[in-house]
Amino acid sequence: MENKLPKRWLNNLEVLDIAFQPIINIHTGKIFAVEALLRNFQEVGFASIFSLFDQVYKDNLLYSFDIKLREKALKKFIQIDDFKDIKLFYNLDNRLFEMPNFTHGNTSKILKQYGVKKNNICFEISERHEISSDCNMEKILAHYKDSKYCIAIDDFGVGHSGYKLLYDSMISLK
């Protein structure tokens, strides 16, 4: 995993924290999953989480930064009692697939390192940014499906792609 970050972003990662929002099964009242939420972005000089990710993207470091955040989230996730019985919902900025250093297989390595199974993680693909034509969504979704990952569309209908992303997802998951 060649995902080097400049000192500035490594320092920011030290300050940033992950909080978990529980997702409750309405039929049992038990925690089904937790969603990883990024905290302390103001402490590293950003007005919003979106502005932080926009800057990392502009710096062409989004994938490297995301990989480090995944590690941070998983390290904290395994501290939850009975973490093996729940899912971790992790938001993906769809622009990371455009990064020149994007490679397949890094998530599997991280999961193995922390003893987390693939069925314990669900990637929420953000539709805040339009999926570029450079980013072949069918290939990406097929990759995650073939790799046995759970995929969700984050805040469906709020962003750019809405039903097109759902349609593309359905086509590629057949």
N, C-alpha and C. Protein backbone atom coordinates (compact mmCIF):
# COMPACT_ATOMS: atom_id res chain seq x y z
N MET A 1 0.83 -1.18 0.00
CA MET A 1 0.00 0.00 0.00
C MET A 1 0.87 1.24 0.00
N GLU A 2 1.09 1.81 -1.14
CA GLU A 2 1.89 3.02 -1.25
C GLU A 2 0.94 4.21 -1.15
N ASN A 3 0.73 4.69 0.05
CA ASN A 3 -0.22 5.76 0.29
C ASN A 3 0.40 6.81 1.19
N LYS A 4 1.46 7.42 0.72
CA LYS A 4 2.16 8.42 1.53
C LYS A 4 1.39 9.72 1.52
N LEU A 5 1.39 10.36 2.68
CA LEU A 5 0.75 11.65 2.83
C LEU A 5 1.76 12.66 3.32
N PRO A 6 1.63 13.92 2.90
CA PRO A 6 2.50 14.96 3.44
C PRO A 6 2.26 15.14 4.94
N LYS A 7 3.24 15.70 5.60
CA LYS A 7 3.20 15.88 7.06
C LYS A 7 1.93 16.61 7.50
N ARG A 8 1.52 17.62 6.74
CA ARG A 8 0.31 18.38 7.10
C ARG A 8 -0.89 17.46 7.27
N TRP A 9 -1.09 16.55 6.31
CA TRP A 9 -2.25 15.66 6.36
C TRP A 9 -2.09 14.57 7.40
N LEU A 10 -0.88 14.13 7.64
CA LEU A 10 -0.65 13.16 8.73
C LEU A 10 -0.97 13.80 10.08
N ASN A 11 -0.58 15.07 10.24
CA ASN A 11 -0.90 15.80 11.47
C ASN A 11 -2.42 15.98 11.61
N ASN A 12 -3.08 16.30 10.52
CA ASN A 12 -4.54 16.43 10.55
C ASN A 12 -5.20 15.12 10.96
N LEU A 13 -4.69 14.01 10.46
CA LEU A 13 -5.24 12.70 10.82
C LEU A 13 -5.13 12.42 12.32
N GLU A 14 -4.07 12.93 12.93
CA GLU A 14 -3.90 12.75 14.37
C GLU A 14 -5.01 13.46 15.15
N VAL A 15 -5.45 14.61 14.65
CA VAL A 15 -6.46 15.42 15.34
C VAL A 15 -7.87 14.92 15.03
N LEU A 16 -8.10 14.50 13.80
CA LEU A 16 -9.42 14.02 13.40
C LEU A 16 -9.79 12.77 14.20
N ASP A 17 -11.07 12.64 14.48
CA ASP A 17 -11.54 11.50 15.26
C ASP A 17 -12.74 10.88 14.55
N ILE A 18 -13.04 9.66 14.92
CA ILE A 18 -14.19 8.94 14.38
C ILE A 18 -15.19 8.75 15.52
N ALA A 19 -16.44 9.11 15.25
CA ALA A 19 -17.54 8.82 16.18
C ALA A 19 -18.45 7.81 15.49
N PHE A 20 -19.11 6.99 16.28
CA PHE A 20 -20.00 5.99 15.70
C PHE A 20 -21.45 6.31 16.04
N GLN A 21 -22.26 6.39 15.00
CA GLN A 21 -23.70 6.58 15.17
C GLN A 21 -24.36 5.21 15.05
N PRO A 22 -25.07 4.78 16.08
CA PRO A 22 -25.70 3.45 16.00
C PRO A 22 -26.86 3.43 15.01
N ILE A 23 -27.02 2.30 14.35
CA ILE A 23 -28.15 2.04 13.47
C ILE A 23 -28.89 0.88 14.10
N ILE A 24 -30.13 1.12 14.47
CA ILE A 24 -30.91 0.17 15.25
C ILE A 24 -31.84 -0.64 14.36
N ASN A 25 -31.93 -1.94 14.60
CA ASN A 25 -32.90 -2.80 13.95
C ASN A 25 -34.25 -2.53 14.62
N ILE A 26 -35.22 -2.01 13.87
CA ILE A 26 -36.49 -1.62 14.47
C ILE A 26 -37.30 -2.83 14.97
N HIS A 27 -36.99 -4.01 14.48
CA HIS A 27 -37.73 -5.20 14.89
C HIS A 27 -37.21 -5.78 16.21
N THR A 28 -35.92 -5.64 16.44
CA THR A 28 -35.34 -6.22 17.66
C THR A 28 -34.92 -5.18 18.69
N GLY A 29 -34.76 -3.93 18.24
CA GLY A 29 -34.29 -2.88 19.15
C GLY A 29 -32.80 -2.96 19.43
N LYS A 30 -32.11 -3.86 18.73
CA LYS A 30 -30.67 -4.03 18.93
C LYS A 30 -29.89 -3.28 17.86
N ILE A 31 -28.64 -2.99 18.19
CA ILE A 31 -27.77 -2.32 17.23
C ILE A 31 -27.45 -3.28 16.10
N PHE A 32 -27.78 -2.86 14.88
CA PHE A 32 -27.50 -3.63 13.68
C PHE A 32 -26.13 -3.23 13.11
N ALA A 33 -25.83 -1.92 13.24
CA ALA A 33 -24.61 -1.39 12.65
C ALA A 33 -24.27 -0.07 13.32
N VAL A 34 -23.10 0.44 12.97
CA VAL A 34 -22.70 1.79 13.34
C VAL A 34 -22.18 2.47 12.09
N GLU A 35 -22.45 3.77 11.98
CA GLU A 35 -21.90 4.54 10.87
C GLU A 35 -20.74 5.37 11.39
N ALA A 36 -19.61 5.29 10.70
CA ALA A 36 -18.43 6.06 11.07
C ALA A 36 -18.62 7.51 10.62
N LEU A 37 -18.51 8.42 11.58
CA LEU A 37 -18.66 9.85 11.31
C LEU A 37 -17.38 10.56 11.69
N LEU A 38 -16.92 11.45 10.83
CA LEU A 38 -15.67 12.16 11.06
C LEU A 38 -15.92 13.37 11.96
N ARG A 39 -15.07 13.53 12.96
CA ARG A 39 -15.17 14.63 13.92
C ARG A 39 -13.85 15.40 14.00
N ASN A 40 -13.93 16.61 14.54
CA ASN A 40 -12.78 17.51 14.77
C ASN A 40 -12.25 18.18 13.51
N PHE A 41 -13.05 18.24 12.46
CA PHE A 41 -12.58 18.89 11.23
C PHE A 41 -12.34 20.39 11.44
N GLN A 42 -13.09 21.01 12.36
CA GLN A 42 -12.87 22.43 12.65
C GLN A 42 -11.49 22.65 13.26
N GLU A 43 -11.05 21.72 14.09
CA GLU A 43 -9.76 21.84 14.76
C GLU A 43 -8.58 21.80 13.79
N VAL A 44 -8.80 21.29 12.58
CA VAL A 44 -7.73 21.27 11.58
C VAL A 44 -7.95 22.33 10.50
N GLY A 45 -8.87 23.28 10.79
CA GLY A 45 -9.00 24.45 9.94
C GLY A 45 -10.05 24.40 8.84
N PHE A 46 -11.04 23.52 8.96
CA PHE A 46 -12.06 23.41 7.91
C PHE A 46 -13.44 23.73 8.49
N ALA A 47 -14.23 24.41 7.70
CA ALA A 47 -15.58 24.80 8.12
C ALA A 47 -16.55 23.62 8.09
N SER A 48 -16.24 22.63 7.25
CA SER A 48 -17.13 21.47 7.13
C SER A 48 -16.31 20.24 6.72
N ILE A 49 -16.93 19.11 6.88
CA ILE A 49 -16.31 17.86 6.41
C ILE A 49 -16.13 17.93 4.90
N PHE A 50 -17.12 18.51 4.22
CA PHE A 50 -17.05 18.61 2.76
C PHE A 50 -15.86 19.44 2.31
N SER A 51 -15.61 20.56 3.00
CA SER A 51 -14.47 21.39 2.61
C SER A 51 -13.14 20.67 2.86
N LEU A 52 -13.08 19.87 3.91
CA LEU A 52 -11.87 19.08 4.17
C LEU A 52 -11.62 18.10 3.02
N PHE A 53 -12.66 17.35 2.64
CA PHE A 53 -12.50 16.38 1.56
C PHE A 53 -12.25 17.06 0.21
N ASP A 54 -12.85 18.23 0.00
CA ASP A 54 -12.58 18.96 -1.23
C ASP A 54 -11.11 19.35 -1.32
N GLN A 55 -10.51 19.76 -0.19
CA GLN A 55 -9.10 20.14 -0.20
C GLN A 55 -8.19 18.92 -0.42
N VAL A 56 -8.51 17.82 0.23
CA VAL A 56 -7.71 16.60 0.03
C VAL A 56 -7.79 16.16 -1.43
N TYR A 57 -8.98 16.30 -2.02
CA TYR A 57 -9.16 15.97 -3.43
C TYR A 57 -8.32 16.90 -4.31
N LYS A 58 -8.37 18.21 -4.03
CA LYS A 58 -7.59 19.17 -4.82
C LYS A 58 -6.09 18.90 -4.70
N ASP A 59 -5.68 18.41 -3.53
CA ASP A 59 -4.27 18.08 -3.31
C ASP A 59 -3.90 16.73 -3.95
N ASN A 60 -4.89 16.08 -4.59
CA ASN A 60 -4.68 14.80 -5.26
C ASN A 60 -4.27 13.68 -4.28
N LEU A 61 -4.80 13.77 -3.06
CA LEU A 61 -4.44 12.83 -2.00
C LEU A 61 -5.64 12.08 -1.43
N LEU A 62 -6.77 12.18 -2.09
CA LEU A 62 -8.01 11.64 -1.53
C LEU A 62 -7.92 10.15 -1.21
N TYR A 63 -7.38 9.36 -2.11
CA TYR A 63 -7.32 7.91 -1.86
C TYR A 63 -6.39 7.60 -0.69
N SER A 64 -5.23 8.20 -0.67
CA SER A 64 -4.29 7.96 0.43
C SER A 64 -4.89 8.37 1.76
N PHE A 65 -5.56 9.51 1.78
CA PHE A 65 -6.20 10.01 2.99
C PHE A 65 -7.31 9.07 3.43
N ASP A 66 -8.12 8.62 2.47
CA ASP A 66 -9.22 7.72 2.77
C ASP A 66 -8.72 6.40 3.36
N ILE A 67 -7.66 5.86 2.81
CA ILE A 67 -7.12 4.60 3.33
C ILE A 67 -6.71 4.76 4.80
N LYS A 68 -6.08 5.88 5.12
CA LYS A 68 -5.69 6.15 6.51
C LYS A 68 -6.92 6.31 7.41
N LEU A 69 -7.97 6.95 6.88
CA LEU A 69 -9.21 7.08 7.65
C LEU A 69 -9.88 5.72 7.87
N ARG A 70 -9.84 4.85 6.86
CA ARG A 70 -10.39 3.49 7.02
C ARG A 70 -9.68 2.78 8.16
N GLU A 71 -8.36 2.89 8.16
CA GLU A 71 -7.59 2.26 9.23
C GLU A 71 -8.00 2.81 10.59
N LYS A 72 -8.12 4.12 10.67
CA LYS A 72 -8.50 4.77 11.92
C LYS A 72 -9.89 4.30 12.38
N ALA A 73 -10.83 4.25 11.44
CA ALA A 73 -12.19 3.80 11.76
C ALA A 73 -12.21 2.35 12.22
N LEU A 74 -11.47 1.50 11.52
CA LEU A 74 -11.46 0.08 11.89
C LEU A 74 -10.77 -0.14 13.22
N LYS A 75 -9.72 0.60 13.48
CA LYS A 75 -9.02 0.47 14.76
C LYS A 75 -9.97 0.81 15.91
N LYS A 76 -10.79 1.81 15.71
CA LYS A 76 -11.76 2.19 16.75
C LYS A 76 -12.95 1.22 16.78
N PHE A 77 -13.37 0.76 15.60
CA PHE A 77 -14.50 -0.18 15.49
C PHE A 77 -14.26 -1.45 16.29
N ILE A 78 -13.05 -1.98 16.25
CA ILE A 78 -12.78 -3.25 16.95
C ILE A 78 -12.74 -3.08 18.47
N GLN A 79 -12.84 -1.85 18.95
CA GLN A 79 -12.93 -1.60 20.39
C GLN A 79 -14.36 -1.78 20.90
N ILE A 80 -15.32 -1.84 19.98
CA ILE A 80 -16.73 -2.02 20.36
C ILE A 80 -16.93 -3.48 20.79
N ASP A 81 -17.57 -3.66 21.94
CA ASP A 81 -17.92 -5.02 22.38
C ASP A 81 -18.76 -5.69 21.30
N ASP A 82 -18.47 -6.92 21.01
CA ASP A 82 -19.21 -7.71 20.02
C ASP A 82 -19.23 -7.07 18.63
N PHE A 83 -18.14 -6.40 18.26
CA PHE A 83 -18.08 -5.76 16.93
C PHE A 83 -18.29 -6.77 15.82
N LYS A 84 -17.98 -8.02 16.07
CA LYS A 84 -18.12 -9.03 15.02
C LYS A 84 -19.58 -9.33 14.68
N ASP A 85 -20.49 -8.85 15.54
CA ASP A 85 -21.92 -9.09 15.33
C ASP A 85 -22.64 -7.91 14.68
N ILE A 86 -21.90 -6.84 14.34
CA ILE A 86 -22.53 -5.68 13.73
C ILE A 86 -21.74 -5.25 12.49
N LYS A 87 -22.35 -4.36 11.72
CA LYS A 87 -21.69 -3.82 10.52
C LYS A 87 -21.15 -2.43 10.81
N LEU A 88 -20.11 -2.09 10.08
CA LEU A 88 -19.57 -0.75 10.07
C LEU A 88 -19.93 -0.12 8.73
N PHE A 89 -20.70 0.96 8.75
CA PHE A 89 -21.01 1.71 7.55
C PHE A 89 -19.95 2.79 7.41
N TYR A 90 -19.27 2.77 6.27
CA TYR A 90 -18.15 3.68 6.02
C TYR A 90 -18.42 4.45 4.73
N ASN A 91 -18.43 5.77 4.82
CA ASN A 91 -18.73 6.62 3.65
C ASN A 91 -17.53 6.72 2.72
N LEU A 92 -17.80 6.54 1.45
CA LEU A 92 -16.77 6.70 0.42
C LEU A 92 -17.10 7.93 -0.42
N ASP A 93 -16.14 8.80 -0.57
CA ASP A 93 -16.26 9.92 -1.51
C ASP A 93 -15.99 9.31 -2.89
N ASN A 94 -16.97 9.35 -3.77
CA ASN A 94 -16.81 8.67 -5.06
C ASN A 94 -15.66 9.21 -5.89
N ARG A 95 -15.12 10.37 -5.56
CA ARG A 95 -14.01 10.93 -6.32
C ARG A 95 -12.70 10.17 -6.05
N LEU A 96 -12.66 9.35 -5.00
CA LEU A 96 -11.40 8.64 -4.72
C LEU A 96 -11.05 7.65 -5.82
N PHE A 97 -12.06 7.21 -6.57
CA PHE A 97 -11.80 6.28 -7.67
C PHE A 97 -11.07 6.95 -8.83
N GLU A 98 -11.05 8.29 -8.84
CA GLU A 98 -10.34 9.05 -9.87
C GLU A 98 -8.87 9.26 -9.53
N MET A 99 -8.50 8.97 -8.31
CA MET A 99 -7.13 9.25 -7.87
C MET A 99 -6.13 8.35 -8.59
N PRO A 100 -4.98 8.91 -8.96
CA PRO A 100 -4.00 8.14 -9.73
C PRO A 100 -3.43 6.94 -8.97
N ASN A 101 -3.46 6.98 -7.64
CA ASN A 101 -2.90 5.86 -6.87
C ASN A 101 -3.97 4.89 -6.38
N PHE A 102 -5.21 5.01 -6.88
CA PHE A 102 -6.26 4.08 -6.49
C PHE A 102 -5.89 2.68 -6.95
N THR A 103 -5.91 1.75 -6.03
CA THR A 103 -5.64 0.34 -6.36
C THR A 103 -6.62 -0.54 -5.59
N HIS A 104 -6.84 -1.72 -6.12
CA HIS A 104 -7.73 -2.69 -5.47
C HIS A 104 -6.95 -3.50 -4.44
N GLY A 105 -7.66 -3.94 -3.42
CA GLY A 105 -7.07 -4.88 -2.47
C GLY A 105 -6.61 -4.29 -1.15
N ASN A 106 -6.53 -2.97 -1.06
CA ASN A 106 -6.06 -2.36 0.18
C ASN A 106 -7.02 -2.56 1.35
N THR A 107 -8.31 -2.52 1.08
CA THR A 107 -9.29 -2.72 2.15
C THR A 107 -9.17 -4.12 2.72
N SER A 108 -9.00 -5.10 1.87
CA SER A 108 -8.85 -6.49 2.36
C SER A 108 -7.65 -6.62 3.29
N LYS A 109 -6.56 -5.95 2.93
CA LYS A 109 -5.36 -5.99 3.77
C LYS A 109 -5.62 -5.36 5.13
N ILE A 110 -6.32 -4.23 5.13
CA ILE A 110 -6.62 -3.55 6.39
C ILE A 110 -7.57 -4.39 7.24
N LEU A 111 -8.59 -4.95 6.63
CA LEU A 111 -9.53 -5.80 7.37
C LEU A 111 -8.80 -6.97 8.01
N LYS A 112 -7.93 -7.60 7.25
CA LYS A 112 -7.16 -8.73 7.78
C LYS A 112 -6.29 -8.29 8.96
N GLN A 113 -5.65 -7.14 8.82
CA GLN A 113 -4.79 -6.60 9.88
C GLN A 113 -5.56 -6.43 11.19
N TYR A 114 -6.83 -6.01 11.11
CA TYR A 114 -7.63 -5.75 12.31
C TYR A 114 -8.59 -6.89 12.66
N GLY A 115 -8.55 -7.97 11.92
CA GLY A 115 -9.39 -9.12 12.24
C GLY A 115 -10.88 -8.87 12.01
N VAL A 116 -11.19 -8.08 10.98
CA VAL A 116 -12.58 -7.77 10.65
C VAL A 116 -12.92 -8.48 9.35
N LYS A 117 -14.09 -9.12 9.32
CA LYS A 117 -14.52 -9.82 8.11
C LYS A 117 -15.22 -8.87 7.14
N LYS A 118 -15.17 -9.23 5.88
CA LYS A 118 -15.78 -8.40 4.83
C LYS A 118 -17.26 -8.15 5.08
N ASN A 119 -17.95 -9.15 5.65
CA ASN A 119 -19.39 -8.96 5.86
C ASN A 119 -19.69 -8.01 7.02
N ASN A 120 -18.65 -7.52 7.69
CA ASN A 120 -18.85 -6.53 8.75
C ASN A 120 -18.72 -5.09 8.26
N ILE A 121 -18.45 -4.91 6.99
CA ILE A 121 -18.30 -3.54 6.49
C ILE A 121 -19.25 -3.30 5.33
N CYS A 122 -19.81 -2.11 5.32
CA CYS A 122 -20.68 -1.69 4.21
C CYS A 122 -20.18 -0.33 3.75
N PHE A 123 -19.85 -0.23 2.49
CA PHE A 123 -19.40 1.04 1.93
C PHE A 123 -20.61 1.84 1.46
N GLU A 124 -20.73 3.05 1.98
CA GLU A 124 -21.78 3.96 1.54
C GLU A 124 -21.17 4.89 0.51
N ILE A 125 -21.63 4.75 -0.72
CA ILE A 125 -21.09 5.57 -1.79
C ILE A 125 -21.86 6.89 -1.81
N SER A 126 -21.11 7.95 -1.62
CA SER A 126 -21.70 9.28 -1.58
C SER A 126 -22.09 9.71 -2.98
N GLU A 127 -23.23 10.37 -3.08
CA GLU A 127 -23.62 10.92 -4.37
C GLU A 127 -23.56 12.44 -4.33
N ARG A 128 -22.76 12.98 -3.42
CA ARG A 128 -22.59 14.43 -3.32
C ARG A 128 -21.95 14.99 -4.59
N HIS A 129 -21.06 14.22 -5.18
CA HIS A 129 -20.39 14.64 -6.41
C HIS A 129 -20.84 13.75 -7.54
N GLU A 130 -21.03 14.36 -8.68
CA GLU A 130 -21.43 13.59 -9.85
C GLU A 130 -20.34 12.57 -10.18
N ILE A 131 -20.78 11.39 -10.53
CA ILE A 131 -19.84 10.34 -10.90
C ILE A 131 -19.30 10.71 -12.28
N SER A 132 -17.99 10.89 -12.35
CA SER A 132 -17.39 11.34 -13.61
C SER A 132 -17.38 10.22 -14.63
N SER A 133 -17.29 10.62 -15.89
CA SER A 133 -17.23 9.61 -16.96
C SER A 133 -15.90 8.86 -16.91
N ASP A 134 -14.88 9.49 -16.28
CA ASP A 134 -13.59 8.81 -16.12
C ASP A 134 -13.69 7.65 -15.14
N CYS A 135 -14.65 7.76 -14.26
CA CYS A 135 -14.83 6.77 -13.20
C CYS A 135 -15.86 5.76 -13.67
N ASN A 136 -15.45 4.58 -14.00
CA ASN A 136 -16.37 3.57 -14.50
C ASN A 136 -17.10 2.91 -13.34
N MET A 137 -18.27 3.44 -13.02
CA MET A 137 -19.03 2.97 -11.86
C MET A 137 -19.39 1.50 -11.97
N GLU A 138 -19.70 1.05 -13.16
CA GLU A 138 -20.03 -0.37 -13.31
C GLU A 138 -18.86 -1.24 -12.87
N LYS A 139 -17.65 -0.88 -13.28
CA LYS A 139 -16.46 -1.65 -12.89
C LYS A 139 -16.26 -1.62 -11.38
N ILE A 140 -16.44 -0.44 -10.80
CA ILE A 140 -16.22 -0.29 -9.36
C ILE A 140 -17.23 -1.12 -8.58
N LEU A 141 -18.51 -1.01 -8.95
CA LEU A 141 -19.54 -1.77 -8.25
C LEU A 141 -19.34 -3.27 -8.45
N ALA A 142 -18.97 -3.66 -9.65
CA ALA A 142 -18.71 -5.08 -9.92
C ALA A 142 -17.53 -5.56 -9.08
N HIS A 143 -16.50 -4.71 -8.93
CA HIS A 143 -15.35 -5.07 -8.11
C HIS A 143 -15.78 -5.32 -6.66
N TYR A 144 -16.54 -4.39 -6.10
CA TYR A 144 -16.97 -4.56 -4.71
C TYR A 144 -17.90 -5.76 -4.56
N LYS A 145 -18.76 -5.97 -5.54
CA LYS A 145 -19.65 -7.14 -5.49
C LYS A 145 -18.83 -8.43 -5.57
N ASP A 146 -17.91 -8.49 -6.53
CA ASP A 146 -17.07 -9.68 -6.67
C ASP A 146 -16.21 -9.92 -5.44
N SER A 147 -15.86 -8.85 -4.75
CA SER A 147 -15.05 -8.96 -3.54
C SER A 147 -15.90 -9.21 -2.31
N LYS A 148 -17.22 -9.35 -2.50
CA LYS A 148 -18.16 -9.69 -1.43
C LYS A 148 -18.36 -8.57 -0.40
N TYR A 149 -18.27 -7.31 -0.84
CA TYR A 149 -18.54 -6.19 0.06
C TYR A 149 -20.00 -5.75 -0.08
N CYS A 150 -20.54 -5.26 1.00
CA CYS A 150 -21.87 -4.65 1.01
C CYS A 150 -21.71 -3.21 0.54
N ILE A 151 -22.66 -2.76 -0.29
CA ILE A 151 -22.62 -1.40 -0.83
C ILE A 151 -23.98 -0.75 -0.57
N ALA A 152 -23.94 0.51 -0.16
CA ALA A 152 -25.16 1.29 0.02
C ALA A 152 -24.96 2.65 -0.65
N ILE A 153 -26.05 3.28 -1.02
CA ILE A 153 -25.98 4.64 -1.56
C ILE A 153 -26.30 5.58 -0.41
N ASP A 154 -25.35 6.44 -0.06
CA ASP A 154 -25.49 7.35 1.06
C ASP A 154 -26.46 8.48 0.72
N ASP A 155 -27.43 8.73 1.60
CA ASP A 155 -28.38 9.83 1.43
C ASP A 155 -28.99 9.83 0.03
N PHE A 156 -29.53 8.69 -0.36
CA PHE A 156 -30.07 8.53 -1.71
C PHE A 156 -31.05 9.65 -2.05
N GLY A 157 -30.89 10.20 -3.24
CA GLY A 157 -31.78 11.22 -3.76
C GLY A 157 -31.37 12.64 -3.43
N VAL A 158 -30.35 12.80 -2.59
CA VAL A 158 -29.94 14.13 -2.17
C VAL A 158 -28.93 14.75 -3.12
N GLY A 159 -28.09 13.95 -3.71
CA GLY A 159 -26.98 14.47 -4.50
C GLY A 159 -27.24 14.55 -5.98
N HIS A 160 -26.16 14.45 -6.73
CA HIS A 160 -26.19 14.65 -8.17
C HIS A 160 -26.83 13.52 -8.95
N SER A 161 -26.58 12.31 -8.55
CA SER A 161 -26.88 11.21 -9.45
C SER A 161 -28.19 10.51 -9.19
N GLY A 162 -28.65 10.48 -7.97
CA GLY A 162 -29.94 9.90 -7.61
C GLY A 162 -30.28 8.61 -8.32
N TYR A 163 -31.33 8.66 -9.11
CA TYR A 163 -31.83 7.45 -9.76
C TYR A 163 -30.86 6.89 -10.78
N LYS A 164 -30.02 7.73 -11.38
CA LYS A 164 -29.02 7.22 -12.32
C LYS A 164 -28.04 6.31 -11.59
N LEU A 165 -27.58 6.71 -10.40
CA LEU A 165 -26.67 5.88 -9.63
C LEU A 165 -27.36 4.57 -9.24
N LEU A 166 -28.62 4.65 -8.83
CA LEU A 166 -29.35 3.43 -8.49
C LEU A 166 -29.47 2.52 -9.71
N TYR A 167 -29.82 3.09 -10.85
CA TYR A 167 -29.95 2.31 -12.08
C TYR A 167 -28.61 1.67 -12.44
N ASP A 168 -27.53 2.48 -12.43
CA ASP A 168 -26.21 1.95 -12.75
C ASP A 168 -25.81 0.86 -11.77
N SER A 169 -26.19 1.03 -10.51
CA SER A 169 -25.86 0.04 -9.48
C SER A 169 -26.60 -1.27 -9.78
N MET A 170 -27.85 -1.17 -10.13
CA MET A 170 -28.64 -2.37 -10.41
C MET A 170 -28.11 -3.11 -11.63
N ILE A 171 -27.73 -2.38 -12.66
CA ILE A 171 -27.21 -2.99 -13.89
C ILE A 171 -25.91 -3.74 -13.57
N SER A 172 -25.02 -3.10 -12.83
CA SER A 172 -23.71 -3.71 -12.58
C SER A 172 -23.76 -4.81 -11.54
N LEU A 173 -24.82 -4.88 -10.75
CA LEU A 173 -24.90 -5.91 -9.72
C LEU A 173 -25.65 -7.14 -10.18
N LYS A 174 -26.15 -7.14 -11.40
CA LYS A 174 -26.88 -8.32 -11.92
C LYS A 174 -25.94 -9.47 -12.15
